[in-house]
Amino acid sequence: MATRKKAKESAKTRKARVAKLVKTCDKRWEKLAKKYCPNGVFKLEKKDAFTVADLRNDKTKVVPGDDFIIGALWDNGYDEGMPLFAKLKKKLSSHAFNIDYKGDKYGYYIPPCDNMIWELSCARNDVVKIKQRLLEWQIQSLLLSLHFGDISIKDI
């Protein structure tokens, strides 16, 4: 009984921590966007930038590139001689962008907010490229969770 109660409390604590991360992330991305967008490659005001709703409405399918997947696997300690390398590469190659992905408990990936998309719009100015970048962050988050044992290979 005590274990179940602790698990519920830790889930509440985790939800509160993620909510706090999202709130600080929103402020952080707003500062970054205000700093870089007027001076960046694309000079965008917030009203002209893409939003999370634009990402939801865009039906373009994005897939990760092989170079990115191999690099991400190498960064996490998987090289071509390991038996899991081919299996992970195949699973990650078929991984699709999910706008509702919540991320890991370590805060590497945080769900996108409008300020984050504004800053990414200033750097890329294309919905497909923004979705591609977010997909790469999702894959890195999955590999981080796999590395720490929070998920198994079946969950990818």
C-alpha atoms as a PDB file:
ATOM      1  CA  MET A   1       0.000   0.000   0.000  1.00  0.00           C
ATOM      2  CA  ALA A   2       2.725   2.455   0.907  1.00  0.00           C
ATOM      3  CA  THR A   3       4.474   1.782  -2.386  1.00  0.00           C
ATOM      4  CA  ARG A   4       1.344   2.567  -4.385  1.00  0.00           C
ATOM      5  CA  LYS A   5       0.831   5.807  -2.433  1.00  0.00           C
ATOM      6  CA  LYS A   6       4.454   6.833  -3.053  1.00  0.00           C
ATOM      7  CA  ALA A   7       4.027   6.100  -6.752  1.00  0.00           C
ATOM      8  CA  LYS A   8       0.972   8.372  -6.899  1.00  0.00           C
ATOM      9  CA  GLU A   9       2.826  11.123  -5.079  1.00  0.00           C
ATOM     10  CA  SER A  10       5.794  10.829  -7.377  1.00  0.00           C
ATOM     11  CA  ALA A  11       3.500  10.989 -10.411  1.00  0.00           C
ATOM     12  CA  LYS A  12       1.947  14.188  -9.027  1.00  0.00           C
ATOM     13  CA  THR A  13       5.407  15.579  -8.356  1.00  0.00           C
ATOM     14  CA  ARG A  14       6.525  14.635 -11.854  1.00  0.00           C
ATOM     15  CA  LYS A  15       3.491  16.348 -13.415  1.00  0.00           C
ATOM     16  CA  ALA A  16       4.165  19.478 -11.376  1.00  0.00           C
ATOM     17  CA  ARG A  17       7.833  19.443 -12.400  1.00  0.00           C
ATOM     18  CA  VAL A  18       6.927  19.078 -16.093  1.00  0.00           C
ATOM     19  CA  ALA A  19       4.363  21.901 -15.797  1.00  0.00           C
ATOM     20  CA  LYS A  20       7.036  24.113 -14.227  1.00  0.00           C
ATOM     21  CA  LEU A  21       9.492  23.202 -16.998  1.00  0.00           C
ATOM     22  CA  VAL A  22       6.924  24.077 -19.661  1.00  0.00           C
ATOM     23  CA  LYS A  23       6.232  27.420 -17.990  1.00  0.00           C
ATOM     24  CA  THR A  24       9.933  28.318 -17.695  1.00  0.00           C
ATOM     25  CA  CYS A  25      10.525  26.957 -21.188  1.00  0.00           C
ATOM     26  CA  ASP A  26       7.898  29.306 -22.557  1.00  0.00           C
ATOM     27  CA  LYS A  27       9.597  32.305 -20.907  1.00  0.00           C
ATOM     28  CA  ARG A  28      13.049  31.126 -21.992  1.00  0.00           C
ATOM     29  CA  TRP A  29      11.996  30.661 -25.601  1.00  0.00           C
ATOM     30  CA  GLU A  30      10.308  34.055 -25.605  1.00  0.00           C
ATOM     31  CA  LYS A  31      13.590  35.682 -24.502  1.00  0.00           C
ATOM     32  CA  LEU A  32      15.503  33.771 -27.157  1.00  0.00           C
ATOM     33  CA  ALA A  33      13.029  34.679 -29.867  1.00  0.00           C
ATOM     34  CA  LYS A  34      13.046  38.358 -28.906  1.00  0.00           C
ATOM     35  CA  LYS A  35      16.839  38.320 -28.900  1.00  0.00           C
ATOM     36  CA  TYR A  36      17.482  36.452 -32.148  1.00  0.00           C
ATOM     37  CA  CYS A  37      14.475  37.035 -34.397  1.00  0.00           C
ATOM     38  CA  PRO A  38      15.079  40.732 -35.112  1.00  0.00           C
ATOM     39  CA  ASN A  39      18.726  39.956 -35.902  1.00  0.00           C
ATOM     40  CA  GLY A  40      18.402  36.427 -37.224  1.00  0.00           C
ATOM     41  CA  VAL A  41      18.251  35.025 -40.735  1.00  0.00           C
ATOM     42  CA  PHE A  42      14.516  35.694 -40.944  1.00  0.00           C
ATOM     43  CA  LYS A  43      13.296  38.834 -39.222  1.00  0.00           C
ATOM     44  CA  LEU A  44       9.897  37.841 -37.861  1.00  0.00           C
ATOM     45  CA  GLU A  45       7.483  39.402 -35.462  1.00  0.00           C
ATOM     46  CA  LYS A  46       5.623  36.972 -33.258  1.00  0.00           C
ATOM     47  CA  LYS A  47       2.362  37.567 -35.146  1.00  0.00           C
ATOM     48  CA  ASP A  48       4.039  36.486 -38.406  1.00  0.00           C
ATOM     49  CA  ALA A  49       5.661  33.325 -37.057  1.00  0.00           C
ATOM     50  CA  PHE A  50       4.289  29.791 -37.159  1.00  0.00           C
ATOM     51  CA  THR A  51       2.334  28.488 -34.161  1.00  0.00           C
ATOM     52  CA  VAL A  52       1.706  25.098 -32.593  1.00  0.00           C
ATOM     53  CA  ALA A  53      -1.678  25.082 -34.355  1.00  0.00           C
ATOM     54  CA  ASP A  54       0.146  25.343 -37.690  1.00  0.00           C
ATOM     55  CA  LEU A  55       2.162  22.255 -36.771  1.00  0.00           C
ATOM     56  CA  ARG A  56      -1.016  20.392 -35.859  1.00  0.00           C
ATOM     57  CA  ASN A  57      -2.734  21.359 -39.123  1.00  0.00           C
ATOM     58  CA  ASP A  58       0.225  20.512 -41.348  1.00  0.00           C
ATOM     59  CA  LYS A  59      -0.202  16.989 -42.729  1.00  0.00           C
ATOM     60  CA  THR A  60       3.335  16.621 -44.080  1.00  0.00           C
ATOM     61  CA  LYS A  61       5.053  13.456 -42.859  1.00  0.00           C
ATOM     62  CA  VAL A  62       8.630  13.897 -41.715  1.00  0.00           C
ATOM     63  CA  VAL A  63      11.117  11.109 -41.171  1.00  0.00           C
ATOM     64  CA  PRO A  64      14.543  11.282 -39.577  1.00  0.00           C
ATOM     65  CA  GLY A  65      17.591  11.081 -41.794  1.00  0.00           C
ATOM     66  CA  ASP A  66      19.951   8.102 -41.609  1.00  0.00           C
ATOM     67  CA  ASP A  67      22.908  10.348 -40.794  1.00  0.00           C
ATOM     68  CA  PHE A  68      21.077  11.818 -37.828  1.00  0.00           C
ATOM     69  CA  ILE A  69      20.003   8.398 -36.522  1.00  0.00           C
ATOM     70  CA  ILE A  70      23.489   6.933 -36.787  1.00  0.00           C
ATOM     71  CA  GLY A  71      24.956   9.992 -35.053  1.00  0.00           C
ATOM     72  CA  ALA A  72      22.361   9.869 -32.265  1.00  0.00           C
ATOM     73  CA  LEU A  73      23.002   6.157 -31.721  1.00  0.00           C
ATOM     74  CA  TRP A  74      26.769   6.727 -31.592  1.00  0.00           C
ATOM     75  CA  ASP A  75      26.268   9.588 -29.112  1.00  0.00           C
ATOM     76  CA  ASN A  76      24.369   7.186 -26.849  1.00  0.00           C
ATOM     77  CA  GLY A  77      26.968   4.441 -26.974  1.00  0.00           C
ATOM     78  CA  TYR A  78      25.584   2.218 -29.735  1.00  0.00           C
ATOM     79  CA  ASP A  79      27.981   1.462 -32.561  1.00  0.00           C
ATOM     80  CA  GLU A  80      27.587  -0.740 -35.613  1.00  0.00           C
ATOM     81  CA  GLY A  81      29.188  -3.765 -33.971  1.00  0.00           C
ATOM     82  CA  MET A  82      26.521  -4.025 -31.289  1.00  0.00           C
ATOM     83  CA  PRO A  83      23.551  -6.370 -31.817  1.00  0.00           C
ATOM     84  CA  LEU A  84      21.002  -3.691 -30.828  1.00  0.00           C
ATOM     85  CA  PHE A  85      22.298  -1.145 -33.351  1.00  0.00           C
ATOM     86  CA  ALA A  86      20.416  -2.498 -36.376  1.00  0.00           C
ATOM     87  CA  LYS A  87      17.218  -3.041 -34.390  1.00  0.00           C
ATOM     88  CA  LEU A  88      17.280   0.483 -32.933  1.00  0.00           C
ATOM     89  CA  LYS A  89      18.166   2.021 -36.287  1.00  0.00           C
ATOM     90  CA  LYS A  90      15.203   0.302 -37.925  1.00  0.00           C
ATOM     91  CA  LYS A  91      12.789   1.362 -35.163  1.00  0.00           C
ATOM     92  CA  LEU A  92      14.019   4.965 -35.107  1.00  0.00           C
ATOM     93  CA  SER A  93      13.930   5.227 -38.909  1.00  0.00           C
ATOM     94  CA  SER A  94      10.221   4.470 -38.852  1.00  0.00           C
ATOM     95  CA  HIS A  95       9.527   6.859 -35.960  1.00  0.00           C
ATOM     96  CA  ALA A  96       7.105   9.622 -36.946  1.00  0.00           C
ATOM     97  CA  PHE A  97       6.711  13.127 -35.536  1.00  0.00           C
ATOM     98  CA  ASN A  98       4.162  13.295 -32.719  1.00  0.00           C
ATOM     99  CA  ILE A  99       3.007  16.764 -31.665  1.00  0.00           C
ATOM    100  CA  ASP A 100       1.553  15.320 -28.426  1.00  0.00           C
ATOM    101  CA  TYR A 101       4.809  13.658 -27.312  1.00  0.00           C
ATOM    102  CA  LYS A 102       5.401  14.678 -23.692  1.00  0.00           C
ATOM    103  CA  GLY A 103       9.126  13.990 -23.489  1.00  0.00           C
ATOM    104  CA  ASP A 104      11.266  12.376 -20.859  1.00  0.00           C
ATOM    105  CA  LYS A 105      11.334  13.038 -17.149  1.00  0.00           C
ATOM    106  CA  TYR A 106      14.785  14.607 -17.418  1.00  0.00           C
ATOM    107  CA  GLY A 107      13.532  17.653 -19.301  1.00  0.00           C
ATOM    108  CA  TYR A 108      15.508  17.119 -22.507  1.00  0.00           C
ATOM    109  CA  TYR A 109      12.399  17.405 -24.650  1.00  0.00           C
ATOM    110  CA  ILE A 110       9.612  19.735 -23.630  1.00  0.00           C
ATOM    111  CA  PRO A 111       6.375  19.964 -25.644  1.00  0.00           C
ATOM    112  CA  PRO A 112       6.518  22.899 -28.059  1.00  0.00           C
ATOM    113  CA  CYS A 113       5.002  26.244 -27.161  1.00  0.00           C
ATOM    114  CA  ASP A 114       4.287  29.178 -29.453  1.00  0.00           C
ATOM    115  CA  ASN A 115       7.420  31.027 -28.335  1.00  0.00           C
ATOM    116  CA  MET A 116       9.571  27.992 -29.145  1.00  0.00           C
ATOM    117  CA  ILE A 117       7.980  27.757 -32.581  1.00  0.00           C
ATOM    118  CA  TRP A 118       8.545  31.508 -33.046  1.00  0.00           C
ATOM    119  CA  GLU A 119      12.264  31.100 -32.393  1.00  0.00           C
ATOM    120  CA  LEU A 120      12.439  28.051 -34.653  1.00  0.00           C
ATOM    121  CA  SER A 121      10.539  30.000 -37.325  1.00  0.00           C
ATOM    122  CA  CYS A 122      13.231  32.655 -37.221  1.00  0.00           C
ATOM    123  CA  ALA A 123      15.907  30.027 -37.820  1.00  0.00           C
ATOM    124  CA  ARG A 124      14.132  27.827 -40.384  1.00  0.00           C
ATOM    125  CA  ASN A 125      11.016  29.627 -41.715  1.00  0.00           C
ATOM    126  CA  ASP A 126       9.475  26.353 -42.905  1.00  0.00           C
ATOM    127  CA  VAL A 127       6.954  24.141 -41.081  1.00  0.00           C
ATOM    128  CA  VAL A 128       8.507  20.934 -42.425  1.00  0.00           C
ATOM    129  CA  LYS A 129      11.991  21.913 -41.208  1.00  0.00           C
ATOM    130  CA  ILE A 130      10.583  22.842 -37.796  1.00  0.00           C
ATOM    131  CA  LYS A 131       8.814  19.477 -37.542  1.00  0.00           C
ATOM    132  CA  GLN A 132      12.052  17.771 -38.613  1.00  0.00           C
ATOM    133  CA  ARG A 133      13.983  19.491 -35.808  1.00  0.00           C
ATOM    134  CA  LEU A 134      11.358  18.627 -33.213  1.00  0.00           C
ATOM    135  CA  LEU A 135      11.378  15.003 -34.417  1.00  0.00           C
ATOM    136  CA  GLU A 136      15.151  14.906 -33.915  1.00  0.00           C
ATOM    137  CA  TRP A 137      14.682  16.187 -30.359  1.00  0.00           C
ATOM    138  CA  GLN A 138      12.018  13.524 -29.758  1.00  0.00           C
ATOM    139  CA  ILE A 139      14.359  10.770 -30.936  1.00  0.00           C
ATOM    140  CA  GLN A 140      17.153  12.041 -28.713  1.00  0.00           C
ATOM    141  CA  SER A 141      14.702  12.089 -25.802  1.00  0.00           C
ATOM    142  CA  LEU A 142      13.683   8.485 -26.519  1.00  0.00           C
ATOM    143  CA  LEU A 143      17.318   7.397 -26.594  1.00  0.00           C
ATOM    144  CA  LEU A 144      17.964   9.200 -23.304  1.00  0.00           C
ATOM    145  CA  SER A 145      15.005   7.430 -21.681  1.00  0.00           C
ATOM    146  CA  LEU A 146      16.234   4.117 -23.098  1.00  0.00           C
ATOM    147  CA  HIS A 147      19.731   4.792 -21.771  1.00  0.00           C
ATOM    148  CA  PHE A 148      18.431   5.381 -18.236  1.00  0.00           C
ATOM    149  CA  GLY A 149      16.124   2.346 -18.375  1.00  0.00           C
ATOM    150  CA  ASP A 150      12.826   4.240 -18.241  1.00  0.00           C
ATOM    151  CA  ILE A 151      11.583   2.553 -21.431  1.00  0.00           C
ATOM    152  CA  SER A 152      12.453  -0.616 -23.279  1.00  0.00           C
ATOM    153  CA  ILE A 153      13.190  -1.081 -26.968  1.00  0.00           C
ATOM    154  CA  LYS A 154       9.605  -2.269 -27.472  1.00  0.00           C
ATOM    155  CA  ASP A 155       8.341   1.164 -26.345  1.00  0.00           C
ATOM    156  CA  ILE A 156      10.168   3.042 -29.109  1.00  0.00           C
END
